[in-house]
């Protein structure tokens, strides 16, 4: 049916010429497709407004909520449509390949993969068999492990790919000849079981499920290759231990990176009860001290600056690492305590 004139009105007249926004809520069963295809707004009473072309129309149709942009020929372009998959996602940058992750795009290199498997609906923790793949729950939203045979249906081996997979990488599976997909994030490093792999995973999304025996392709998006690592220990910890004799641990955490050259930002807030006792803090990577320790010279108990140090470090290889932060006192006797809080370690790729 045609445009219902009184149902189209300005959303606000306070835009001061920046842009005009309109709301169209017909309430008569109109759907977005017919609103667009029948050229409803070519008859709008607002056509004479100087800013009509390029304005935004909030359409509350029977089947969706959408934002339309008015084009010079009175046609409209859909900027946002809640009925479309990925609604609310920002436009992906165009300089490389990106993969959808939550409500944002992750930079990714898509592997050129022709790996083909046959899907199994068995959920036991076991070798799925040559050319087969399966997960540990029939409800995809509850899966936390995937089991893949080393040999694909088309005679390839996935061992090399599995060895490269890191935490936070993304795997996507699609059924041949159908729109069914499954997207998962790798939760931790894959486990090799001889001739099959266990991959700890987190469910991200799916479009339909896979029936037993259907063939699926596998794509691998190494998003962890550029993902930063955030580690923190924020509460105040105090000790009267001497740094040189019995330093205390404040933070101890494993992390995985997919790059070797990194910038490490280390920040913390030290404190001391005594004006003649210094606070010493150090960061270790895989039990090797990073550069040298930091020492806050004794001045007075009110001297509690927030310290940030930046290092550039070559880890040598990708994989699993461990970060530790120690602290302790130096000088002034062992009776007065020193403190450390708001400890953060950020590892970022510089490759």
C-alpha atoms as a PDB file:
ATOM      1  CA  UNK A   1       0.000   0.000   0.000  1.00  0.00           C
ATOM      2  CA  UNK A   2       1.183   3.590  -0.520  1.00  0.00           C
ATOM      3  CA  UNK A   3       2.887   5.894   1.943  1.00  0.00           C
ATOM      4  CA  UNK A   4       0.756   6.871   4.929  1.00  0.00           C
ATOM      5  CA  UNK A   5       1.607  10.582   5.031  1.00  0.00           C
ATOM      6  CA  UNK A   6       0.676  11.364   8.619  1.00  0.00           C
ATOM      7  CA  UNK A   7       2.812   8.428   9.799  1.00  0.00           C
ATOM      8  CA  UNK A   8       5.983  10.105   8.492  1.00  0.00           C
ATOM      9  CA  UNK A   9       7.217  12.995  10.606  1.00  0.00           C
ATOM     10  CA  UNK A  10      10.409  14.648  11.732  1.00  0.00           C
ATOM     11  CA  UNK A  11      12.072  13.041  14.722  1.00  0.00           C
ATOM     12  CA  UNK A  12      13.578  16.347  15.845  1.00  0.00           C
ATOM     13  CA  UNK A  13      13.716  19.919  14.610  1.00  0.00           C
ATOM     14  CA  UNK A  14      16.743  20.775  16.751  1.00  0.00           C
ATOM     15  CA  UNK A  15      19.425  19.569  14.340  1.00  0.00           C
ATOM     16  CA  UNK A  16      20.268  23.125  13.222  1.00  0.00           C
ATOM     17  CA  UNK A  17      20.918  22.121   9.647  1.00  0.00           C
ATOM     18  CA  UNK A  18      23.371  19.332  10.445  1.00  0.00           C
ATOM     19  CA  UNK A  19      20.924  16.693   9.181  1.00  0.00           C
ATOM     20  CA  UNK A  20      17.263  15.891   9.403  1.00  0.00           C
ATOM     21  CA  UNK A  21      15.893  12.663  10.823  1.00  0.00           C
ATOM     22  CA  UNK A  22      12.441  11.243  10.253  1.00  0.00           C
ATOM     23  CA  UNK A  23      10.392   8.451  11.771  1.00  0.00           C
ATOM     24  CA  UNK A  24       8.018   6.267   9.743  1.00  0.00           C
ATOM     25  CA  UNK A  25       5.794   3.867  11.683  1.00  0.00           C
ATOM     26  CA  UNK A  26       2.821   2.928   9.493  1.00  0.00           C
ATOM     27  CA  UNK A  27       1.286   0.309  11.783  1.00  0.00           C
ATOM     28  CA  UNK A  28      -0.678  -1.161   8.874  1.00  0.00           C
ATOM     29  CA  UNK A  29       1.290  -4.340   8.200  1.00  0.00           C
ATOM     30  CA  UNK A  30       3.776  -2.781   5.786  1.00  0.00           C
ATOM     31  CA  UNK A  31       7.069  -4.643   5.576  1.00  0.00           C
ATOM     32  CA  UNK A  32      10.424  -3.123   4.759  1.00  0.00           C
ATOM     33  CA  UNK A  33      10.686  -4.760   1.340  1.00  0.00           C
ATOM     34  CA  UNK A  34       7.470  -3.211   0.022  1.00  0.00           C
ATOM     35  CA  UNK A  35       8.256   0.142   1.641  1.00  0.00           C
ATOM     36  CA  UNK A  36      11.467   0.202  -0.382  1.00  0.00           C
ATOM     37  CA  UNK A  37      10.374  -1.465  -3.608  1.00  0.00           C
ATOM     38  CA  UNK A  38       7.214   0.654  -4.070  1.00  0.00           C
ATOM     39  CA  UNK A  39       9.023   3.965  -3.663  1.00  0.00           C
ATOM     40  CA  UNK A  40       6.862   5.164  -0.773  1.00  0.00           C
ATOM     41  CA  UNK A  41       8.855   8.282  -0.027  1.00  0.00           C
ATOM     42  CA  UNK A  42       8.753   9.715  -3.562  1.00  0.00           C
ATOM     43  CA  UNK A  43       5.411  11.214  -2.515  1.00  0.00           C
ATOM     44  CA  UNK A  44       6.613  12.602   0.802  1.00  0.00           C
ATOM     45  CA  UNK A  45       5.472  16.069   1.816  1.00  0.00           C
ATOM     46  CA  UNK A  46       9.006  16.703   3.052  1.00  0.00           C
ATOM     47  CA  UNK A  47      10.533  16.463  -0.457  1.00  0.00           C
ATOM     48  CA  UNK A  48      10.833  20.240  -0.640  1.00  0.00           C
ATOM     49  CA  UNK A  49      13.000  20.382   2.481  1.00  0.00           C
ATOM     50  CA  UNK A  50      16.571  21.367   1.496  1.00  0.00           C
ATOM     51  CA  UNK A  51      18.044  18.509   3.501  1.00  0.00           C
ATOM     52  CA  UNK A  52      15.580  15.796   2.379  1.00  0.00           C
ATOM     53  CA  UNK A  53      18.177  14.023   0.207  1.00  0.00           C
ATOM     54  CA  UNK A  54      20.689  12.371   2.544  1.00  0.00           C
ATOM     55  CA  UNK A  55      18.398  12.449   5.545  1.00  0.00           C
ATOM     56  CA  UNK A  56      17.811   9.402   7.748  1.00  0.00           C
ATOM     57  CA  UNK A  57      14.436   7.694   8.174  1.00  0.00           C
ATOM     58  CA  UNK A  58      13.822   5.458  11.193  1.00  0.00           C
ATOM     59  CA  UNK A  59      11.438   2.830   9.826  1.00  0.00           C
ATOM     60  CA  UNK A  60       9.452   0.781  12.333  1.00  0.00           C
ATOM     61  CA  UNK A  61       7.929  -1.752   9.953  1.00  0.00           C
ATOM     62  CA  UNK A  62       5.881  -4.834  10.703  1.00  0.00           C
ATOM     63  CA  UNK A  63       8.878  -7.144  10.232  1.00  0.00           C
ATOM     64  CA  UNK A  64      11.880  -5.092  11.347  1.00  0.00           C
ATOM     65  CA  UNK A  65      13.383  -1.861  12.560  1.00  0.00           C
ATOM     66  CA  UNK A  66      15.630  -0.185   9.986  1.00  0.00           C
ATOM     67  CA  UNK A  67      17.521   2.992   9.213  1.00  0.00           C
ATOM     68  CA  UNK A  68      17.139   4.230   5.635  1.00  0.00           C
ATOM     69  CA  UNK A  69      19.093   6.955   3.862  1.00  0.00           C
ATOM     70  CA  UNK A  70      17.226   9.018   1.242  1.00  0.00           C
ATOM     71  CA  UNK A  71      18.962   8.987  -2.157  1.00  0.00           C
ATOM     72  CA  UNK A  72      18.734  11.680  -4.868  1.00  0.00           C
ATOM     73  CA  UNK A  73      16.151   9.698  -6.878  1.00  0.00           C
ATOM     74  CA  UNK A  74      13.938   9.328  -3.753  1.00  0.00           C
ATOM     75  CA  UNK A  75      14.957   5.691  -3.440  1.00  0.00           C
ATOM     76  CA  UNK A  76      16.363   4.584  -0.094  1.00  0.00           C
ATOM     77  CA  UNK A  77      19.465   2.727   1.042  1.00  0.00           C
ATOM     78  CA  UNK A  78      19.355   0.405   4.061  1.00  0.00           C
ATOM     79  CA  UNK A  79      21.999   1.402   6.605  1.00  0.00           C
ATOM     80  CA  UNK A  80      20.790  -0.892   9.386  1.00  0.00           C
ATOM     81  CA  UNK A  81      18.204  -3.673   9.548  1.00  0.00           C
ATOM     82  CA  UNK A  82      17.580  -5.776  12.647  1.00  0.00           C
ATOM     83  CA  UNK A  83      16.275  -8.678  10.575  1.00  0.00           C
ATOM     84  CA  UNK A  84      19.622  -9.124   8.837  1.00  0.00           C
ATOM     85  CA  UNK A  85      22.379 -11.325  10.265  1.00  0.00           C
ATOM     86  CA  UNK A  86      25.085  -9.275  11.920  1.00  0.00           C
ATOM     87  CA  UNK A  87      22.752  -6.370  12.627  1.00  0.00           C
ATOM     88  CA  UNK A  88      24.513  -3.765  14.696  1.00  0.00           C
ATOM     89  CA  UNK A  89      27.980  -4.667  13.425  1.00  0.00           C
ATOM     90  CA  UNK A  90      30.137  -1.740  12.356  1.00  0.00           C
ATOM     91  CA  UNK A  91      31.324  -1.658   8.756  1.00  0.00           C
ATOM     92  CA  UNK A  92      34.545  -3.646   8.457  1.00  0.00           C
ATOM     93  CA  UNK A  93      37.654  -1.736   7.342  1.00  0.00           C
ATOM     94  CA  UNK A  94      38.591  -2.480   3.746  1.00  0.00           C
ATOM     95  CA  UNK A  95      42.362  -2.766   3.880  1.00  0.00           C
ATOM     96  CA  UNK A  96      42.534  -6.479   4.713  1.00  0.00           C
ATOM     97  CA  UNK A  97      40.413  -9.489   5.637  1.00  0.00           C
ATOM     98  CA  UNK A  98      38.327  -9.338   8.821  1.00  0.00           C
ATOM     99  CA  UNK A  99      36.217 -11.913  10.662  1.00  0.00           C
ATOM    100  CA  UNK A 100      33.116 -11.154  12.753  1.00  0.00           C
ATOM    101  CA  UNK A 101      33.696 -11.628  16.479  1.00  0.00           C
ATOM    102  CA  UNK A 102      31.002 -10.587  19.003  1.00  0.00           C
ATOM    103  CA  UNK A 103      29.986  -7.058  17.957  1.00  0.00           C
ATOM    104  CA  UNK A 104      33.230  -6.082  16.269  1.00  0.00           C
ATOM    105  CA  UNK A 105      35.561  -7.113  13.450  1.00  0.00           C
ATOM    106  CA  UNK A 106      38.875  -8.838  14.136  1.00  0.00           C
ATOM    107  CA  UNK A 107      41.778  -8.447  11.725  1.00  0.00           C
ATOM    108  CA  UNK A 108      42.591 -11.891  10.348  1.00  0.00           C
ATOM    109  CA  UNK A 109      44.477 -13.773   7.716  1.00  0.00           C
ATOM    110  CA  UNK A 110      42.201 -16.410   6.279  1.00  0.00           C
ATOM    111  CA  UNK A 111      44.087 -19.569   5.527  1.00  0.00           C
ATOM    112  CA  UNK A 112      43.637 -20.955   2.037  1.00  0.00           C
ATOM    113  CA  UNK A 113      41.991 -24.137   3.207  1.00  0.00           C
ATOM    114  CA  UNK A 114      40.423 -26.966   1.280  1.00  0.00           C
ATOM    115  CA  UNK A 115      40.195 -29.219   4.320  1.00  0.00           C
ATOM    116  CA  UNK A 116      37.034 -31.291   4.122  1.00  0.00           C
ATOM    117  CA  UNK A 117      35.602 -33.440   6.911  1.00  0.00           C
ATOM    118  CA  UNK A 118      32.494 -35.518   7.456  1.00  0.00           C
ATOM    119  CA  UNK A 119      30.504 -34.347  10.462  1.00  0.00           C
ATOM    120  CA  UNK A 120      29.749 -36.855  13.217  1.00  0.00           C
ATOM    121  CA  UNK A 121      26.992 -36.261  15.781  1.00  0.00           C
ATOM    122  CA  UNK A 122      28.694 -38.570  18.284  1.00  0.00           C
ATOM    123  CA  UNK A 123      29.683 -36.531  21.370  1.00  0.00           C
ATOM    124  CA  UNK A 124      32.036 -38.965  23.139  1.00  0.00           C
ATOM    125  CA  UNK A 125      35.590 -37.881  23.948  1.00  0.00           C
ATOM    126  CA  UNK A 126      37.336 -40.109  21.429  1.00  0.00           C
ATOM    127  CA  UNK A 127      38.967 -40.292  18.023  1.00  0.00           C
ATOM    128  CA  UNK A 128      36.160 -39.462  15.591  1.00  0.00           C
ATOM    129  CA  UNK A 129      37.757 -41.643  12.886  1.00  0.00           C
ATOM    130  CA  UNK A 130      39.552 -40.904   9.631  1.00  0.00           C
ATOM    131  CA  UNK A 131      38.093 -37.871   7.862  1.00  0.00           C
ATOM    132  CA  UNK A 132      35.638 -37.167  10.692  1.00  0.00           C
ATOM    133  CA  UNK A 133      35.052 -34.262  13.062  1.00  0.00           C
ATOM    134  CA  UNK A 134      32.731 -33.834  16.066  1.00  0.00           C
ATOM    135  CA  UNK A 135      32.043 -31.784  19.202  1.00  0.00           C
ATOM    136  CA  UNK A 136      31.245 -32.813  22.768  1.00  0.00           C
ATOM    137  CA  UNK A 137      27.644 -31.578  22.992  1.00  0.00           C
ATOM    138  CA  UNK A 138      24.636 -31.759  20.706  1.00  0.00           C
ATOM    139  CA  UNK A 139      23.741 -28.246  21.863  1.00  0.00           C
ATOM    140  CA  UNK A 140      26.391 -26.119  20.141  1.00  0.00           C
ATOM    141  CA  UNK A 141      26.054 -23.323  22.699  1.00  0.00           C
ATOM    142  CA  UNK A 142      27.358 -25.726  25.365  1.00  0.00           C
ATOM    143  CA  UNK A 143      30.349 -27.189  23.524  1.00  0.00           C
ATOM    144  CA  UNK A 144      33.798 -26.733  25.008  1.00  0.00           C
ATOM    145  CA  UNK A 145      35.780 -29.307  23.021  1.00  0.00           C
ATOM    146  CA  UNK A 146      36.106 -30.313  19.384  1.00  0.00           C
ATOM    147  CA  UNK A 147      37.652 -33.602  18.201  1.00  0.00           C
ATOM    148  CA  UNK A 148      39.326 -33.760  14.785  1.00  0.00           C
ATOM    149  CA  UNK A 149      41.075 -36.645  13.103  1.00  0.00           C
ATOM    150  CA  UNK A 150      44.522 -35.858  11.725  1.00  0.00           C
ATOM    151  CA  UNK A 151      43.434 -36.991   8.246  1.00  0.00           C
ATOM    152  CA  UNK A 152      40.826 -35.068   6.299  1.00  0.00           C
ATOM    153  CA  UNK A 153      38.238 -36.573   3.986  1.00  0.00           C
ATOM    154  CA  UNK A 154      40.232 -35.454   0.962  1.00  0.00           C
ATOM    155  CA  UNK A 155      43.451 -37.123   2.148  1.00  0.00           C
ATOM    156  CA  UNK A 156      45.201 -34.131   3.694  1.00  0.00           C
ATOM    157  CA  UNK A 157      46.691 -33.899   7.171  1.00  0.00           C
ATOM    158  CA  UNK A 158      45.776 -31.078   9.543  1.00  0.00           C
ATOM    159  CA  UNK A 159      48.672 -31.634  11.954  1.00  0.00           C
ATOM    160  CA  UNK A 160      50.596 -28.605  10.697  1.00  0.00           C
ATOM    161  CA  UNK A 161      47.534 -26.349  11.020  1.00  0.00           C
ATOM    162  CA  UNK A 162      46.710 -27.716  14.467  1.00  0.00           C
ATOM    163  CA  UNK A 163      50.259 -27.022  15.656  1.00  0.00           C
ATOM    164  CA  UNK A 164      49.887 -23.391  14.563  1.00  0.00           C
ATOM    165  CA  UNK A 165      46.522 -22.819  16.268  1.00  0.00           C
ATOM    166  CA  UNK A 166      46.695 -20.542  19.283  1.00  0.00           C
ATOM    167  CA  UNK A 167      44.277 -19.345  21.939  1.00  0.00           C
ATOM    168  CA  UNK A 168      41.742 -16.816  20.555  1.00  0.00           C
ATOM    169  CA  UNK A 169      42.093 -18.029  16.959  1.00  0.00           C
ATOM    170  CA  UNK A 170      38.780 -18.597  15.195  1.00  0.00           C
ATOM    171  CA  UNK A 171      37.600 -21.726  13.349  1.00  0.00           C
ATOM    172  CA  UNK A 172      34.605 -21.684  11.033  1.00  0.00           C
ATOM    173  CA  UNK A 173      32.920 -24.723   9.499  1.00  0.00           C
ATOM    174  CA  UNK A 174      30.424 -24.622   6.617  1.00  0.00           C
ATOM    175  CA  UNK A 175      28.308 -27.394   5.089  1.00  0.00           C
ATOM    176  CA  UNK A 176      28.624 -28.139   1.387  1.00  0.00           C
ATOM    177  CA  UNK A 177      25.558 -27.075  -0.564  1.00  0.00           C
ATOM    178  CA  UNK A 178      23.817 -25.483   2.437  1.00  0.00           C
ATOM    179  CA  UNK A 179      23.998 -22.332   4.513  1.00  0.00           C
ATOM    180  CA  UNK A 180      24.691 -24.120   7.786  1.00  0.00           C
ATOM    181  CA  UNK A 181      27.771 -22.889   9.639  1.00  0.00           C
ATOM    182  CA  UNK A 182      29.472 -23.166  13.032  1.00  0.00           C
ATOM    183  CA  UNK A 183      31.962 -20.598  14.356  1.00  0.00           C
ATOM    184  CA  UNK A 184      34.079 -21.234  17.436  1.00  0.00           C
ATOM    185  CA  UNK A 185      37.002 -19.587  19.228  1.00  0.00           C
ATOM    186  CA  UNK A 186      39.988 -21.595  20.434  1.00  0.00           C
ATOM    187  CA  UNK A 187      40.091 -21.489  24.251  1.00  0.00           C
ATOM    188  CA  UNK A 188      43.583 -22.958  24.724  1.00  0.00           C
ATOM    189  CA  UNK A 189      46.250 -24.865  22.821  1.00  0.00           C
ATOM    190  CA  UNK A 190      45.117 -28.021  20.940  1.00  0.00           C
ATOM    191  CA  UNK A 191      46.060 -31.375  22.444  1.00  0.00           C
ATOM    192  CA  UNK A 192      47.586 -34.061  20.212  1.00  0.00           C
ATOM    193  CA  UNK A 193      46.364 -37.583  20.989  1.00  0.00           C
ATOM    194  CA  UNK A 194      48.419 -39.578  18.505  1.00  0.00           C
ATOM    195  CA  UNK A 195      46.336 -39.449  15.317  1.00  0.00           C
ATOM    196  CA  UNK A 196      43.598 -37.050  16.413  1.00  0.00           C
ATOM    197  CA  UNK A 197      43.313 -33.687  18.153  1.00  0.00           C
ATOM    198  CA  UNK A 198      41.295 -32.274  21.039  1.00  0.00           C
ATOM    199  CA  UNK A 199      40.722 -28.522  20.657  1.00  0.00           C
ATOM    200  CA  UNK A 200      39.302 -26.634  23.674  1.00  0.00           C
ATOM    201  CA  UNK A 201      36.807 -24.142  22.228  1.00  0.00           C
ATOM    202  CA  UNK A 202      34.196 -21.496  23.010  1.00  0.00           C
ATOM    203  CA  UNK A 203      30.988 -21.253  20.971  1.00  0.00           C
ATOM    204  CA  UNK A 204      30.603 -18.018  19.004  1.00  0.00           C
ATOM    205  CA  UNK A 205      27.671 -18.650  16.672  1.00  0.00           C
ATOM    206  CA  UNK A 206      25.942 -20.949  14.206  1.00  0.00           C
ATOM    207  CA  UNK A 207      23.492 -20.801  11.354  1.00  0.00           C
ATOM    208  CA  UNK A 208      21.674 -24.104  11.473  1.00  0.00           C
ATOM    209  CA  UNK A 209      23.221 -27.357  12.651  1.00  0.00           C
ATOM    210  CA  UNK A 210      25.019 -30.201  10.902  1.00  0.00           C
ATOM    211  CA  UNK A 211      23.310 -33.533  10.406  1.00  0.00           C
ATOM    212  CA  UNK A 212      25.292 -36.740  10.854  1.00  0.00           C
ATOM    213  CA  UNK A 213      27.291 -37.613   7.741  1.00  0.00           C
ATOM    214  CA  UNK A 214      27.262 -34.233   5.966  1.00  0.00           C
ATOM    215  CA  UNK A 215      30.503 -32.871   4.538  1.00  0.00           C
ATOM    216  CA  UNK A 216      31.883 -29.628   5.959  1.00  0.00           C
ATOM    217  CA  UNK A 217      34.800 -27.369   5.081  1.00  0.00           C
ATOM    218  CA  UNK A 218      37.090 -25.809   7.662  1.00  0.00           C
ATOM    219  CA  UNK A 219      38.512 -22.265   7.607  1.00  0.00           C
ATOM    220  CA  UNK A 220      41.082 -21.043  10.093  1.00  0.00           C
ATOM    221  CA  UNK A 221      41.401 -17.379  11.102  1.00  0.00           C
ATOM    222  CA  UNK A 222      44.560 -16.761  13.173  1.00  0.00           C
ATOM    223  CA  UNK A 223      43.160 -13.703  14.965  1.00  0.00           C
ATOM    224  CA  UNK A 224      45.488 -14.291  17.930  1.00  0.00           C
ATOM    225  CA  UNK A 225      48.423 -13.343  15.709  1.00  0.00           C
ATOM    226  CA  UNK A 226      47.752  -9.697  16.499  1.00  0.00           C
ATOM    227  CA  UNK A 227      45.712  -9.967  19.696  1.00  0.00           C
ATOM    228  CA  UNK A 228      47.141  -8.095  22.700  1.00  0.00           C
ATOM    229  CA  UNK A 229      47.461  -9.798  26.080  1.00  0.00           C
ATOM    230  CA  UNK A 230      46.109  -8.102  29.224  1.00  0.00           C
ATOM    231  CA  UNK A 231      47.173  -9.381  32.659  1.00  0.00           C
ATOM    232  CA  UNK A 232      46.421  -7.629  35.933  1.00  0.00           C
ATOM    233  CA  UNK A 233      46.424  -7.918  39.711  1.00  0.00           C
ATOM    234  CA  UNK A 234      44.747  -4.840  41.169  1.00  0.00           C
ATOM    235  CA  UNK A 235      44.197  -5.315  44.950  1.00  0.00           C
ATOM    236  CA  UNK A 236      46.777  -3.986  47.401  1.00  0.00           C
ATOM    237  CA  UNK A 237      49.337  -6.558  48.600  1.00  0.00           C
ATOM    238  CA  UNK A 238      51.718  -5.758  51.467  1.00  0.00           C
ATOM    239  CA  UNK A 239      54.833  -7.421  52.868  1.00  0.00           C
ATOM    240  CA  UNK A 240      57.762  -6.700  55.159  1.00  0.00           C
ATOM    241  CA  UNK A 241      59.910  -9.242  53.264  1.00  0.00           C
ATOM    242  CA  UNK A 242      63.319  -8.163  52.039  1.00  0.00           C
ATOM    243  CA  UNK A 243      63.658  -8.033  48.247  1.00  0.00           C
ATOM    244  CA  UNK A 244      67.149  -9.532  48.139  1.00  0.00           C
ATOM    245  CA  UNK A 245      66.379 -12.383  50.549  1.00  0.00           C
ATOM    246  CA  UNK A 246      62.709 -13.263  50.233  1.00  0.00           C
ATOM    247  CA  UNK A 247      60.910 -11.278  47.531  1.00  0.00           C
ATOM    248  CA  UNK A 248      57.140 -11.907  47.318  1.00  0.00           C
ATOM    249  CA  UNK A 249      55.083 -12.750  44.236  1.00  0.00           C
ATOM    250  CA  UNK A 250      52.269 -10.408  43.257  1.00  0.00           C
ATOM    251  CA  UNK A 251      51.251 -11.787  39.844  1.00  0.00           C
ATOM    252  CA  UNK A 252      51.728 -15.192  38.205  1.00  0.00           C
ATOM    253  CA  UNK A 253      49.875 -15.928  34.968  1.00  0.00           C
ATOM    254  CA  UNK A 254      50.356 -17.906  31.739  1.00  0.00           C
ATOM    255  CA  UNK A 255      49.528 -16.383  28.370  1.00  0.00           C
ATOM    256  CA  UNK A 256      49.767 -17.327  24.701  1.00  0.00           C
ATOM    257  CA  UNK A 257      50.948 -15.082  21.866  1.00  0.00           C
ATOM    258  CA  UNK A 258      51.014 -15.592  18.112  1.00  0.00           C
ATOM    259  CA  UNK A 259      53.877 -13.172  17.451  1.00  0.00           C
ATOM    260  CA  UNK A 260      57.485 -12.850  18.577  1.00  0.00           C
ATOM    261  CA  UNK A 261      58.356  -9.129  18.560  1.00  0.00           C
ATOM    262  CA  UNK A 262      56.353  -7.293  21.185  1.00  0.00           C
ATOM    263  CA  UNK A 263      55.953  -4.140  23.208  1.00  0.00           C
ATOM    264  CA  UNK A 264      55.446  -4.888  26.898  1.00  0.00           C
ATOM    265  CA  UNK A 265      53.851  -2.173  29.040  1.00  0.00           C
ATOM    266  CA  UNK A 266      54.276  -2.737  32.778  1.00  0.00           C
ATOM    267  CA  UNK A 267      52.492  -0.428  35.245  1.00  0.00           C
ATOM    268  CA  UNK A 268      51.996  -0.492  39.011  1.00  0.00           C
ATOM    269  CA  UNK A 269      51.529   1.636  42.123  1.00  0.00           C
ATOM    270  CA  UNK A 270      54.058   1.099  44.971  1.00  0.00           C
ATOM    271  CA  UNK A 271      53.840   2.349  48.551  1.00  0.00           C
ATOM    272  CA  UNK A 272      55.864   2.235  51.771  1.00  0.00           C
ATOM    273  CA  UNK A 273      55.097   2.731  55.463  1.00  0.00           C
ATOM    274  CA  UNK A 274      58.546   4.127  56.226  1.00  0.00           C
ATOM    275  CA  UNK A 275      60.553   7.050  54.895  1.00  0.00           C
ATOM    276  CA  UNK A 276      63.760   5.014  54.938  1.00  0.00           C
ATOM    277  CA  UNK A 277      62.518   1.826  53.264  1.00  0.00           C
ATOM    278  CA  UNK A 278      62.411   1.568  49.463  1.00  0.00           C
ATOM    279  CA  UNK A 279      60.040  -0.519  47.357  1.00  0.00           C
ATOM    280  CA  UNK A 280      61.538  -2.863  44.775  1.00  0.00           C
ATOM    281  CA  UNK A 281      59.471  -4.354  41.920  1.00  0.00           C
ATOM    282  CA  UNK A 282      60.488  -6.694  39.114  1.00  0.00           C
ATOM    283  CA  UNK A 283      58.856  -8.492  36.180  1.00  0.00           C
ATOM    284  CA  UNK A 284      59.900 -11.928  34.918  1.00  0.00           C
ATOM    285  CA  UNK A 285      59.068 -13.671  31.643  1.00  0.00           C
ATOM    286  CA  UNK A 286      59.454 -17.449  31.835  1.00  0.00           C
ATOM    287  CA  UNK A 287      61.443 -17.002  35.072  1.00  0.00           C
ATOM    288  CA  UNK A 288      63.951 -14.628  33.458  1.00  0.00           C
ATOM    289  CA  UNK A 289      64.010 -11.071  34.783  1.00  0.00           C
ATOM    290  CA  UNK A 290      62.850  -8.508  32.259  1.00  0.00           C
ATOM    291  CA  UNK A 291      65.569  -5.864  31.998  1.00  0.00           C
ATOM    292  CA  UNK A 292      66.265  -4.772  35.622  1.00  0.00           C
ATOM    293  CA  UNK A 293      64.115  -4.315  38.701  1.00  0.00           C
ATOM    294  CA  UNK A 294      62.535  -0.984  39.597  1.00  0.00           C
ATOM    295  CA  UNK A 295      63.343   0.629  42.939  1.00  0.00           C
ATOM    296  CA  UNK A 296      61.460   3.551  44.433  1.00  0.00           C
ATOM    297  CA  UNK A 297      64.032   5.441  46.509  1.00  0.00           C
ATOM    298  CA  UNK A 298      62.977   6.052  50.130  1.00  0.00           C
ATOM    299  CA  UNK A 299      61.640   9.556  50.591  1.00  0.00           C
ATOM    300  CA  UNK A 300      58.499   9.521  52.672  1.00  0.00           C
ATOM    301  CA  UNK A 301      55.387   7.446  53.109  1.00  0.00           C
ATOM    302  CA  UNK A 302      53.345   9.826  50.942  1.00  0.00           C
ATOM    303  CA  UNK A 303      55.471   9.260  47.852  1.00  0.00           C
ATOM    304  CA  UNK A 304      53.266   6.788  45.945  1.00  0.00           C
ATOM    305  CA  UNK A 305      53.604   7.479  42.222  1.00  0.00           C
ATOM    306  CA  UNK A 306      51.956   5.443  39.491  1.00  0.00           C
ATOM    307  CA  UNK A 307      54.811   3.881  37.528  1.00  0.00           C
ATOM    308  CA  UNK A 308      54.716   2.846  33.853  1.00  0.00           C
ATOM    309  CA  UNK A 309      57.630   1.164  32.098  1.00  0.00           C
ATOM    310  CA  UNK A 310      57.728   0.094  28.440  1.00  0.00           C
ATOM    311  CA  UNK A 311      59.984  -2.629  27.032  1.00  0.00           C
ATOM    312  CA  UNK A 312      60.487  -3.919  23.497  1.00  0.00           C
ATOM    313  CA  UNK A 313      61.167  -7.638  23.577  1.00  0.00           C
ATOM    314  CA  UNK A 314      61.774 -10.463  21.110  1.00  0.00           C
ATOM    315  CA  UNK A 315      60.224 -13.643  22.481  1.00  0.00           C
ATOM    316  CA  UNK A 316      61.908 -15.680  19.754  1.00  0.00           C
ATOM    317  CA  UNK A 317      59.023 -18.073  19.115  1.00  0.00           C
ATOM    318  CA  UNK A 318      55.238 -17.975  19.333  1.00  0.00           C
ATOM    319  CA  UNK A 319      53.491 -20.020  21.984  1.00  0.00           C
ATOM    320  CA  UNK A 320      52.891 -20.241  25.723  1.00  0.00           C
ATOM    321  CA  UNK A 321      54.700 -17.927  28.155  1.00  0.00           C
ATOM    322  CA  UNK A 322      54.522 -17.049  31.831  1.00  0.00           C
ATOM    323  CA  UNK A 323      54.630 -13.607  33.453  1.00  0.00           C
ATOM    324  CA  UNK A 324      55.513 -13.034  37.108  1.00  0.00           C
ATOM    325  CA  UNK A 325      55.746  -9.851  39.143  1.00  0.00           C
ATOM    326  CA  UNK A 326      57.659  -9.813  42.443  1.00  0.00           C
ATOM    327  CA  UNK A 327      58.052  -7.088  45.053  1.00  0.00           C
ATOM    328  CA  UNK A 328      59.714  -6.466  48.389  1.00  0.00           C
ATOM    329  CA  UNK A 329      61.447  -3.899  50.562  1.00  0.00           C
ATOM    330  CA  UNK A 330      65.047  -2.798  50.817  1.00  0.00           C
ATOM    331  CA  UNK A 331      66.653  -0.956  53.721  1.00  0.00           C
ATOM    332  CA  UNK A 332      65.029   0.436  56.851  1.00  0.00           C
ATOM    333  CA  UNK A 333      64.747  -2.864  58.668  1.00  0.00           C
ATOM    334  CA  UNK A 334      62.162  -5.572  58.213  1.00  0.00           C
ATOM    335  CA  UNK A 335      59.472  -4.202  60.495  1.00  0.00           C
ATOM    336  CA  UNK A 336      57.927  -1.707  58.084  1.00  0.00           C
ATOM    337  CA  UNK A 337      55.803  -2.929  55.202  1.00  0.00           C
ATOM    338  CA  UNK A 338      55.839  -2.031  51.528  1.00  0.00           C
ATOM    339  CA  UNK A 339      52.834  -2.341  49.234  1.00  0.00           C
ATOM    340  CA  UNK A 340      51.996  -2.912  45.590  1.00  0.00           C
ATOM    341  CA  UNK A 341      48.678  -2.519  43.764  1.00  0.00           C
ATOM    342  CA  UNK A 342      47.137  -1.845  40.343  1.00  0.00           C
ATOM    343  CA  UNK A 343      49.659  -4.101  38.597  1.00  0.00           C
ATOM    344  CA  UNK A 344      49.061  -4.439  34.852  1.00  0.00           C
ATOM    345  CA  UNK A 345      51.028  -6.137  32.083  1.00  0.00           C
ATOM    346  CA  UNK A 346      50.080  -5.529  28.443  1.00  0.00           C
ATOM    347  CA  UNK A 347      51.810  -7.408  25.604  1.00  0.00           C
ATOM    348  CA  UNK A 348      51.238  -6.061  22.068  1.00  0.00           C
ATOM    349  CA  UNK A 349      52.586  -7.079  18.686  1.00  0.00           C
ATOM    350  CA  UNK A 350      54.985  -4.733  16.886  1.00  0.00           C
ATOM    351  CA  UNK A 351      55.421  -6.976  13.839  1.00  0.00           C
END
